[in-house]
Amino acid sequence: MTHITVSGVTGMPEVAPGDDIALLVAEASPALEDGDILVVTSKIVSKAEGRIRRSGAGATWNGGGAPPHTPGATAAGRGAPPRDSRTAAIEEETQRVVARRGDTVIAQTRHGFVMAAAGVDASNTAPGTVLLLPEDPDASASRIRRGLRDRLGVRVGVIVSDTFGRPWRHGLTDVAIGASGVRPLDDLRGGADAYGNPLNATVVALADEIAAAGDLAKGKLSGVPVAVVRGLGGLVTGEDGPGGRALVRPADEDMFRYGSADVVFARRTIREFSGREVDPAAVRRAVAAAIAAPAPHHTTPWRFVLLETPRARAELLDAMRDAWIADLRSDGFSEESIARRIRRGDVLRNAPYLAVPCLVMDGSHTYGDERRNAAEREMFVVATGAGVQNFLVQLAVEGLGSAWVSSTMFCREVVREVLGLPGDWDPMGAVAVGHPAAPPKDRPARDAADFYVTR
């Protein structure tokens, strides 16, 4: 049985900008041994690296640079309230806002960490200041590790830790945000358990487990910022290793990528798709989201035709193409112009999956004048649009790209005939669905204040 001990390093002074943490640890704990792993709270690393900002309303922000645009974040601009420097620091450190409730912001940092307030912390720092995360926690861990080797001649591993909350769980725990000389992950996939069952998804976050163990000896209120974990020398490596960044899950592997603040912004118009097949079950889940949209008179005005075979897609698009060409010729367009316009439909033809949302007027009211009848139809059209928006957003949550193209609205009779639809099903465009061939381009910057008025 492996014997592991965890001990706090006491006697370290208050860390100030410019301090050498390796020197402070070496002086406080000169008996370090080969194979020890140090867990260093990120707060003292941030202090030593000068990642300190004044806080409070009216404080001067000296972080430099403009904060990036983050959907849902408070913007310093027209119509926005003034920001204190803590808010500015959070925006500076935020790559995207994942969720927001009241004053609490869960944000992804540029390191890839998803955490409260983008890691900006007002605890264990002087009143009137906040701490930002280290610029590069892996590099910080490497500097401490080299410094201890130079001063004490020992081969140790170093983990820089910080406190994270966890979805679906109460309480906080420390995790590794930086590491050097420590194997951060133990990939058990391909092995078998004691009963012979294959392990297909088991990757152990060793560095996180060590960080949490170290925090038991450090504590949040004890003033002990460093712990020594002894007995895990087999995890200490000669090289720096992949570091804490190996623990950050890539976006394309993240099933919980979108938080409440940015799920709507996940929907993007995608016009180029990879060759990967679309899971029909994912599209059906998107239909389930679509029919949760609001509608007038407690009606259900949405219908979706799902074109899952190449033959069905080709028959529809060929018939639509012929109808468009006939229309354009009757309008006097040249053959060259017609060919150019027809190519705009390639997004539908190149998509591996198509859906045709339709409007039905079941449950609508009939009035004695055309003005009210026109308004009645408009209500149903708006409801259909809300359903399609839900459909598109859920496709994005499923990891699928989409493009809503209005083409079927110009040849509804043709679409109904080819698809064998009832006469009261009104095709409202077509949605190209597939896996994006490349990341979407950034959205143009838009100020919400340009799109509303107050009275």
Protein backbone atom coordinates (compact mmCIF):
# COMPACT_ATOMS: atom_id res chain seq x y z
CA MET A 1 0.00 0.00 0.00
CA THR A 2 1.30 3.44 -0.94
CA HIS A 3 1.95 5.64 2.10
CA ILE A 4 1.14 9.29 1.33
CA THR A 5 1.63 12.26 3.63
CA VAL A 6 0.43 15.80 3.13
CA SER A 7 2.07 18.58 5.15
CA GLY A 8 1.62 22.32 5.13
CA VAL A 9 4.67 24.54 4.71
CA THR A 10 4.54 27.02 7.59
CA GLY A 11 6.63 30.09 8.33
CA MET A 12 6.45 31.69 4.90
CA PRO A 13 6.18 35.49 4.90
CA GLU A 14 3.51 37.53 3.12
CA VAL A 15 4.32 37.40 -0.58
CA ALA A 16 4.81 40.69 -2.44
CA PRO A 17 5.34 41.55 -6.11
CA GLY A 18 8.77 40.47 -7.29
CA ASP A 19 9.29 37.82 -4.60
CA ASP A 20 10.94 34.54 -5.54
CA ILE A 21 8.53 31.82 -4.40
CA ALA A 22 11.12 29.05 -4.85
CA LEU A 23 13.45 30.91 -2.50
CA LEU A 24 10.71 31.44 0.09
CA VAL A 25 9.74 27.75 -0.02
CA ALA A 26 13.36 26.60 0.17
CA GLU A 27 13.94 28.72 3.26
CA ALA A 28 10.73 27.53 4.94
CA SER A 29 11.10 23.86 3.98
CA PRO A 30 14.78 23.00 3.37
CA ALA A 31 14.18 19.25 3.92
CA LEU A 32 12.36 18.68 0.64
CA GLU A 33 13.16 15.32 -0.97
CA ASP A 34 13.32 13.95 -4.48
CA GLY A 35 9.81 12.88 -5.55
CA ASP A 36 7.96 15.40 -3.39
CA ILE A 37 5.12 17.28 -5.03
CA LEU A 38 4.46 20.86 -3.95
CA VAL A 39 0.94 22.27 -4.18
CA VAL A 40 1.20 26.06 -4.35
CA THR A 41 -1.90 28.21 -4.10
CA SER A 42 -2.23 30.45 -7.12
CA LYS A 43 -2.78 33.52 -4.94
CA ILE A 44 0.85 33.77 -3.88
CA VAL A 45 1.94 33.16 -7.47
CA SER A 46 -0.31 36.01 -8.60
CA LYS A 47 1.06 38.29 -5.89
CA ALA A 48 4.67 37.49 -6.78
CA GLU A 49 3.93 38.13 -10.45
CA GLY A 50 2.23 41.46 -9.73
CA ARG A 51 -1.22 40.28 -10.81
CA ILE A 52 -2.84 42.65 -8.30
CA ARG A 53 -5.45 45.31 -9.07
CA ARG A 54 -7.16 47.89 -6.94
CA SER A 55 -10.87 47.30 -6.48
CA GLY A 56 -13.90 49.38 -5.58
CA ALA A 57 -15.93 52.01 -7.40
CA GLY A 58 -13.82 54.76 -8.83
CA ALA A 59 -10.56 52.81 -8.57
CA THR A 60 -8.06 53.21 -11.36
CA TRP A 61 -7.80 50.31 -13.77
CA ASN A 62 -4.23 49.70 -14.83
CA GLY A 63 -4.53 46.35 -16.53
CA GLY A 64 -4.17 47.84 -20.00
CA GLY A 65 -6.10 47.01 -23.14
CA ALA A 66 -9.78 46.84 -23.88
CA PRO A 67 -11.84 43.93 -22.61
CA PRO A 68 -12.93 41.46 -25.28
CA HIS A 69 -16.53 41.30 -26.42
CA THR A 70 -18.36 38.64 -24.46
CA PRO A 71 -22.04 37.99 -25.08
CA GLY A 72 -23.97 38.75 -21.94
CA ALA A 73 -21.12 40.61 -20.27
CA THR A 74 -21.64 44.12 -19.01
CA ALA A 75 -20.21 46.44 -21.62
CA ALA A 76 -18.68 49.80 -20.95
CA GLY A 77 -20.51 51.77 -23.56
CA ARG A 78 -23.58 53.71 -24.43
CA GLY A 79 -26.50 52.77 -22.22
CA ALA A 80 -24.34 50.64 -19.90
CA PRO A 81 -23.77 51.35 -16.21
CA PRO A 82 -20.32 52.47 -15.06
CA ARG A 83 -17.97 49.66 -14.13
CA ASP A 84 -15.86 49.42 -11.00
CA SER A 85 -12.38 48.02 -11.46
CA ARG A 86 -13.32 44.54 -10.22
CA THR A 87 -15.92 44.34 -12.98
CA ALA A 88 -13.33 45.63 -15.43
CA ALA A 89 -10.85 43.02 -14.23
CA ILE A 90 -13.40 40.24 -14.72
CA GLU A 91 -14.13 41.46 -18.25
CA GLU A 92 -10.41 41.72 -18.97
CA GLU A 93 -9.91 38.10 -17.93
CA THR A 94 -13.06 36.77 -19.62
CA GLN A 95 -13.02 35.05 -22.98
CA ARG A 96 -16.72 34.19 -22.80
CA VAL A 97 -19.47 34.38 -20.22
CA VAL A 98 -20.90 30.92 -19.57
CA ALA A 99 -23.62 31.82 -17.07
CA ARG A 100 -24.81 34.79 -15.06
CA ARG A 101 -27.17 35.05 -12.12
CA GLY A 102 -27.41 38.34 -10.27
CA ASP A 103 -23.88 39.51 -9.53
CA THR A 104 -22.40 36.04 -10.03
CA VAL A 105 -20.64 35.47 -13.34
CA ILE A 106 -19.26 32.11 -14.46
CA ALA A 107 -16.75 32.79 -17.20
CA GLN A 108 -14.16 31.03 -19.31
CA THR A 109 -10.72 32.57 -19.08
CA ARG A 110 -8.22 32.74 -21.90
CA HIS A 111 -6.49 29.75 -20.25
CA GLY A 112 -9.65 27.72 -20.92
CA PHE A 113 -10.74 27.53 -17.27
CA VAL A 114 -14.46 27.91 -16.52
CA MET A 115 -14.82 29.47 -13.08
CA ALA A 116 -16.55 32.12 -11.03
CA ALA A 117 -15.60 35.71 -11.87
CA ALA A 118 -12.97 34.50 -14.36
CA GLY A 119 -10.72 33.71 -11.41
CA VAL A 120 -10.66 37.31 -10.13
CA ASP A 121 -10.48 36.95 -6.33
CA ALA A 122 -10.79 39.38 -3.43
CA SER A 123 -9.92 36.88 -0.67
CA ASN A 124 -6.50 36.56 0.97
CA THR A 125 -5.41 39.87 -0.48
CA ALA A 126 -5.15 43.35 1.01
CA PRO A 127 -8.42 45.29 1.39
CA GLY A 128 -9.16 47.31 -1.73
CA THR A 129 -7.37 44.90 -4.07
CA VAL A 130 -8.21 41.87 -6.18
CA LEU A 131 -6.01 39.14 -7.59
CA LEU A 132 -6.00 37.89 -11.18
CA LEU A 133 -4.88 34.40 -12.13
CA PRO A 134 -1.24 33.96 -13.18
CA GLU A 135 -0.64 34.77 -16.82
CA ASP A 136 0.72 31.26 -17.51
CA PRO A 137 0.28 28.89 -14.56
CA ASP A 138 2.32 26.12 -16.21
CA ALA A 139 5.25 28.49 -16.72
CA SER A 140 4.90 29.65 -13.11
CA ALA A 141 5.05 26.05 -11.88
CA SER A 142 8.10 25.41 -14.03
CA ARG A 143 9.95 28.44 -12.60
CA ILE A 144 9.27 27.32 -9.04
CA ARG A 145 10.39 23.79 -9.85
CA ARG A 146 13.65 24.96 -11.43
CA GLY A 147 14.29 27.34 -8.55
CA LEU A 148 13.97 24.55 -5.97
CA ARG A 149 16.25 22.31 -8.00
CA ASP A 150 18.87 25.05 -8.19
CA ARG A 151 18.67 25.91 -4.47
CA LEU A 152 18.12 22.52 -2.85
CA GLY A 153 19.26 20.09 -5.55
CA VAL A 154 15.98 18.18 -5.41
CA ARG A 155 13.78 16.80 -8.19
CA VAL A 156 10.24 17.74 -7.27
CA GLY A 157 6.95 18.30 -9.02
CA VAL A 158 4.98 21.52 -8.65
CA ILE A 159 1.24 22.08 -8.96
CA VAL A 160 -0.31 25.54 -8.93
CA SER A 161 -3.83 25.21 -7.54
CA ASP A 162 -6.95 27.31 -7.41
CA THR A 163 -10.45 26.89 -6.04
CA PHE A 164 -13.26 25.85 -8.37
CA GLY A 165 -16.94 25.27 -7.88
CA ARG A 166 -18.46 22.28 -9.65
CA PRO A 167 -21.71 21.88 -11.56
CA TRP A 168 -24.31 19.73 -9.77
CA ARG A 169 -22.27 19.69 -6.53
CA HIS A 170 -22.27 21.95 -3.48
CA GLY A 171 -18.96 23.20 -2.15
CA LEU A 172 -15.59 24.16 -3.54
CA THR A 173 -12.41 22.19 -4.11
CA ASP A 174 -8.92 22.96 -5.32
CA VAL A 175 -7.84 21.83 -8.78
CA ALA A 176 -4.61 22.13 -10.72
CA ILE A 177 -4.43 25.13 -13.02
CA GLY A 178 -0.71 24.72 -13.64
CA ALA A 179 1.78 21.89 -13.28
CA SER A 180 5.42 21.10 -13.94
CA GLY A 181 7.28 17.83 -13.46
CA VAL A 182 4.05 15.98 -12.61
CA ARG A 183 2.08 13.52 -14.70
CA PRO A 184 -1.30 15.29 -14.78
CA LEU A 185 -3.47 12.47 -16.15
CA ASP A 186 -3.57 8.71 -15.84
CA ASP A 187 -5.19 7.23 -18.95
CA LEU A 188 -6.63 3.83 -18.05
CA ARG A 189 -8.54 3.36 -21.29
CA GLY A 190 -7.85 0.00 -22.89
CA GLY A 191 -7.26 -1.68 -19.54
CA ALA A 192 -9.65 -3.73 -17.45
CA ASP A 193 -10.94 -3.57 -13.89
CA ALA A 194 -10.64 -6.32 -11.27
CA TYR A 195 -13.65 -8.09 -12.80
CA GLY A 196 -12.29 -7.99 -16.32
CA ASN A 197 -14.61 -5.23 -17.48
CA PRO A 198 -12.98 -3.06 -20.16
CA LEU A 199 -12.25 0.57 -19.26
CA ASN A 200 -13.35 2.70 -22.19
CA ALA A 201 -13.58 6.21 -20.73
CA THR A 202 -11.51 6.26 -17.53
CA VAL A 203 -8.92 9.05 -17.45
CA VAL A 204 -7.95 10.00 -13.89
CA ALA A 205 -7.14 13.66 -13.17
CA LEU A 206 -4.12 12.98 -10.98
CA ALA A 207 -3.04 16.61 -10.70
CA ASP A 208 -6.52 17.66 -9.55
CA GLU A 209 -6.59 14.91 -6.92
CA ILE A 210 -3.20 16.01 -5.59
CA ALA A 211 -4.30 19.67 -5.58
CA ALA A 212 -7.39 18.80 -3.54
CA ALA A 213 -5.33 16.72 -1.12
CA GLY A 214 -2.87 19.57 -0.72
CA ASP A 215 -5.67 21.96 0.19
CA LEU A 216 -6.53 19.80 3.20
CA ALA A 217 -3.18 20.84 4.67
CA LYS A 218 -3.23 24.41 3.39
CA GLY A 219 -6.81 25.38 4.18
CA LYS A 220 -8.50 28.61 3.19
CA LEU A 221 -8.02 30.52 6.45
CA SER A 222 -4.82 29.10 7.93
CA GLY A 223 -2.34 31.33 6.09
CA VAL A 224 -0.47 28.26 4.79
CA PRO A 225 -0.14 28.71 1.01
CA VAL A 226 2.00 25.65 0.16
CA ALA A 227 1.65 21.94 0.90
CA VAL A 228 4.09 19.09 0.35
CA VAL A 229 2.68 15.75 -0.83
CA ARG A 230 5.10 12.89 -0.20
CA GLY A 231 4.80 9.32 -1.39
CA LEU A 232 3.87 9.87 -5.04
CA GLY A 233 7.37 10.00 -6.49
CA GLY A 234 6.28 7.77 -9.35
CA LEU A 235 4.26 10.67 -10.75
CA VAL A 236 7.22 13.09 -10.74
CA THR A 237 8.88 13.43 -14.14
CA GLY A 238 12.27 14.65 -15.28
CA GLU A 239 10.77 17.03 -17.82
CA ASP A 240 8.18 19.75 -17.32
CA GLY A 241 5.57 17.58 -19.01
CA PRO A 242 2.26 18.63 -20.55
CA GLY A 243 1.31 20.80 -17.57
CA GLY A 244 -2.11 21.78 -16.31
CA ARG A 245 -3.29 22.69 -19.80
CA ALA A 246 -3.65 18.95 -20.47
CA LEU A 247 -6.60 18.98 -18.04
CA VAL A 248 -8.61 21.49 -20.07
CA ARG A 249 -11.10 19.65 -22.26
CA PRO A 250 -11.07 20.82 -25.92
CA ALA A 251 -14.24 22.57 -27.01
CA ASP A 252 -15.15 19.91 -29.57
CA GLU A 253 -15.11 17.25 -26.82
CA ASP A 254 -17.12 19.28 -24.32
CA MET A 255 -20.74 18.11 -24.01
CA PHE A 256 -21.50 21.02 -21.68
CA ARG A 257 -19.85 23.71 -23.76
CA TYR A 258 -22.67 26.21 -23.67
CA GLY A 259 -23.86 27.84 -20.49
CA SER A 260 -27.07 29.75 -19.99
CA ALA A 261 -25.51 33.07 -20.95
CA ASP A 262 -24.14 32.01 -24.31
CA VAL A 263 -26.35 29.21 -25.54
CA VAL A 264 -28.29 31.56 -27.84
CA PHE A 265 -25.03 32.95 -29.21
CA ALA A 266 -23.91 29.40 -30.04
CA ARG A 267 -26.20 29.46 -33.07
CA ARG A 268 -24.27 30.52 -36.11
CA THR A 269 -25.01 30.38 -39.82
CA ILE A 270 -22.75 27.64 -41.20
CA ARG A 271 -22.41 27.33 -44.96
CA GLU A 272 -19.67 24.70 -45.26
CA PHE A 273 -19.94 21.25 -43.75
CA SER A 274 -17.57 18.35 -43.17
CA GLY A 275 -18.27 14.85 -44.43
CA ARG A 276 -19.40 13.56 -41.01
CA GLU A 277 -22.86 12.06 -40.88
CA VAL A 278 -25.58 13.75 -38.89
CA ASP A 279 -27.16 11.77 -36.06
CA PRO A 280 -30.92 11.77 -36.79
CA ALA A 281 -31.64 11.53 -33.06
CA ALA A 282 -29.91 14.88 -32.54
CA VAL A 283 -32.20 16.50 -35.12
CA ARG A 284 -35.24 14.98 -33.45
CA ARG A 285 -34.13 16.50 -30.15
CA ALA A 286 -33.92 19.83 -31.94
CA VAL A 287 -37.51 19.36 -33.13
CA ALA A 288 -38.51 18.75 -29.51
CA ALA A 289 -36.93 22.10 -28.63
CA ALA A 290 -38.69 23.76 -31.55
CA ILE A 291 -42.15 22.78 -30.41
CA ALA A 292 -41.49 24.33 -26.97
CA ALA A 293 -41.75 27.78 -28.57
CA PRO A 294 -44.69 30.12 -27.80
CA ALA A 295 -47.67 30.14 -30.14
CA PRO A 296 -51.04 31.93 -30.32
CA HIS A 297 -54.27 30.43 -28.96
CA HIS A 298 -52.43 27.43 -27.45
CA THR A 299 -51.86 26.09 -30.97
CA THR A 300 -49.00 24.03 -32.41
CA PRO A 301 -48.22 25.65 -35.77
CA TRP A 302 -44.93 23.83 -36.41
CA ARG A 303 -44.25 20.87 -38.67
CA PHE A 304 -40.84 19.65 -39.80
CA VAL A 305 -40.02 17.52 -42.81
CA LEU A 306 -36.69 15.73 -42.23
CA LEU A 307 -34.84 14.77 -45.42
CA GLU A 308 -32.48 12.03 -44.30
CA THR A 309 -31.66 10.30 -47.59
CA PRO A 310 -29.55 11.66 -50.45
CA ARG A 311 -32.33 10.75 -52.89
CA ALA A 312 -34.97 12.78 -51.04
CA ARG A 313 -32.66 15.79 -50.84
CA ALA A 314 -31.69 15.58 -54.51
CA GLU A 315 -35.30 15.27 -55.70
CA LEU A 316 -36.35 18.33 -53.73
CA LEU A 317 -33.38 20.48 -54.68
CA ASP A 318 -33.55 19.53 -58.36
CA ALA A 319 -37.23 20.45 -58.52
CA MET A 320 -36.60 23.72 -56.69
CA ARG A 321 -33.71 24.54 -59.02
CA ASP A 322 -35.87 24.02 -62.08
CA ALA A 323 -38.59 26.25 -60.59
CA TRP A 324 -36.09 29.00 -59.77
CA ILE A 325 -34.61 28.90 -63.25
CA ALA A 326 -38.05 29.21 -64.82
CA ASP A 327 -38.88 32.17 -62.57
CA LEU A 328 -35.59 33.94 -63.27
CA ARG A 329 -35.94 33.46 -67.03
CA SER A 330 -39.45 34.90 -66.91
CA ASP A 331 -37.98 37.91 -65.08
CA GLY A 332 -35.50 38.46 -67.92
CA PHE A 333 -32.26 37.46 -66.17
CA SER A 334 -29.36 36.36 -68.35
CA GLU A 335 -28.18 32.75 -68.27
CA GLU A 336 -24.94 33.86 -66.62
CA SER A 337 -26.84 35.71 -63.91
CA ILE A 338 -29.16 32.74 -63.43
CA ALA A 339 -26.22 30.37 -63.01
CA ARG A 340 -24.66 32.69 -60.44
CA ARG A 341 -27.88 32.90 -58.43
CA ILE A 342 -28.45 29.17 -58.56
CA ARG A 343 -24.96 28.59 -57.09
CA ARG A 344 -26.13 30.39 -53.96
CA GLY A 345 -28.19 27.32 -53.22
CA ASP A 346 -25.07 25.17 -52.90
CA VAL A 347 -25.27 25.43 -49.11
CA LEU A 348 -28.39 23.23 -49.28
CA ARG A 349 -27.01 20.85 -51.88
CA ASN A 350 -23.73 20.33 -50.00
CA ALA A 351 -25.36 19.73 -46.62
CA PRO A 352 -25.58 16.11 -45.42
CA TYR A 353 -29.03 16.69 -43.91
CA LEU A 354 -31.97 18.97 -44.67
CA ALA A 355 -35.04 19.97 -42.70
CA VAL A 356 -37.99 21.89 -44.07
CA PRO A 357 -39.95 23.73 -41.36
CA CYS A 358 -43.59 24.27 -42.22
CA LEU A 359 -46.36 26.48 -40.89
CA VAL A 360 -49.89 25.18 -40.32
CA MET A 361 -52.76 27.42 -39.34
CA ASP A 362 -54.65 24.84 -37.26
CA GLY A 363 -56.51 26.66 -34.52
CA SER A 364 -56.31 30.07 -36.14
CA HIS A 365 -59.26 32.45 -35.96
CA THR A 366 -61.16 33.85 -38.92
CA TYR A 367 -62.41 37.43 -38.67
CA GLY A 368 -64.79 39.58 -40.67
CA ASP A 369 -62.11 41.83 -42.18
CA GLU A 370 -58.80 41.30 -43.93
CA ARG A 371 -56.86 43.51 -41.50
CA ARG A 372 -57.46 41.17 -38.58
CA ASN A 373 -57.04 38.07 -40.72
CA ALA A 374 -53.65 39.37 -41.90
CA ALA A 375 -52.63 40.02 -38.28
CA GLU A 376 -53.75 36.49 -37.36
CA ARG A 377 -51.46 34.99 -40.00
CA GLU A 378 -48.59 37.21 -38.88
CA MET A 379 -48.94 35.83 -35.35
CA PHE A 380 -48.58 32.30 -36.68
CA VAL A 381 -45.61 33.27 -38.86
CA VAL A 382 -43.89 34.82 -35.82
CA ALA A 383 -44.59 31.66 -33.80
CA THR A 384 -43.11 29.53 -36.56
CA GLY A 385 -40.00 31.70 -36.57
CA ALA A 386 -39.69 31.23 -32.81
CA GLY A 387 -39.91 27.48 -33.30
CA VAL A 388 -37.24 27.52 -36.00
CA GLN A 389 -34.98 29.61 -33.76
CA ASN A 390 -35.35 27.02 -30.99
CA PHE A 391 -34.56 24.34 -33.57
CA LEU A 392 -31.38 26.11 -34.71
CA VAL A 393 -30.17 26.80 -31.16
CA GLN A 394 -30.65 23.18 -30.12
CA LEU A 395 -28.76 22.01 -33.21
CA ALA A 396 -25.85 24.17 -32.04
CA VAL A 397 -26.04 22.67 -28.56
CA GLU A 398 -25.85 19.25 -30.23
CA GLY A 399 -22.63 20.34 -31.96
CA LEU A 400 -24.26 20.78 -35.36
CA GLY A 401 -24.07 23.77 -37.67
CA SER A 402 -27.02 25.07 -39.64
CA ALA A 403 -28.15 27.60 -42.23
CA TRP A 404 -31.77 28.68 -42.57
CA VAL A 405 -32.37 29.47 -46.26
CA SER A 406 -35.67 30.98 -47.44
CA SER A 407 -35.65 29.29 -50.86
CA THR A 408 -38.68 27.01 -50.41
CA MET A 409 -40.88 30.07 -49.82
CA PHE A 410 -40.47 31.00 -53.51
CA CYS A 411 -41.78 27.66 -54.81
CA ARG A 412 -44.11 26.32 -52.15
CA GLU A 413 -46.33 24.35 -54.52
CA VAL A 414 -43.30 22.56 -55.95
CA VAL A 415 -42.05 21.68 -52.46
CA ARG A 416 -45.45 20.40 -51.38
CA GLU A 417 -45.74 18.24 -54.51
CA VAL A 418 -42.25 16.72 -54.29
CA LEU A 419 -42.51 16.02 -50.57
CA GLY A 420 -46.13 14.89 -50.70
CA LEU A 421 -47.27 17.43 -48.13
CA PRO A 422 -50.86 18.41 -47.31
CA GLY A 423 -52.07 21.59 -48.96
CA ASP A 424 -52.21 23.47 -45.66
CA TRP A 425 -48.53 22.84 -44.85
CA ASP A 426 -46.69 26.04 -45.74
CA PRO A 427 -42.91 25.48 -46.25
CA MET A 428 -40.99 28.26 -44.50
CA GLY A 429 -37.54 27.81 -45.95
CA ALA A 430 -35.07 24.96 -45.63
CA VAL A 431 -32.45 24.32 -42.95
CA ALA A 432 -29.09 22.88 -43.99
CA VAL A 433 -27.67 20.77 -41.16
CA GLY A 434 -24.21 19.29 -40.70
CA HIS A 435 -20.96 19.36 -38.80
CA PRO A 436 -19.10 22.64 -39.47
CA ALA A 437 -16.09 22.25 -41.74
CA ALA A 438 -14.30 25.05 -39.87
CA PRO A 439 -14.91 27.32 -36.88
CA PRO A 440 -17.31 30.15 -37.70
CA LYS A 441 -16.02 33.66 -38.20
CA ASP A 442 -16.46 36.16 -35.40
CA ARG A 443 -19.73 38.02 -35.40
CA PRO A 444 -19.63 41.71 -36.31
CA ALA A 445 -19.52 43.82 -33.17
CA ARG A 446 -22.98 45.09 -32.29
CA ASP A 447 -24.01 47.42 -29.51
CA ALA A 448 -27.40 46.47 -28.08
CA ALA A 449 -28.07 50.16 -27.47
CA ASP A 450 -28.41 50.61 -31.24
CA PHE A 451 -31.41 48.27 -31.26
CA TYR A 452 -33.73 49.56 -28.58
CA VAL A 453 -35.42 52.73 -27.42
CA THR A 454 -36.87 53.53 -24.02
CA ARG A 455 -40.02 55.42 -23.21
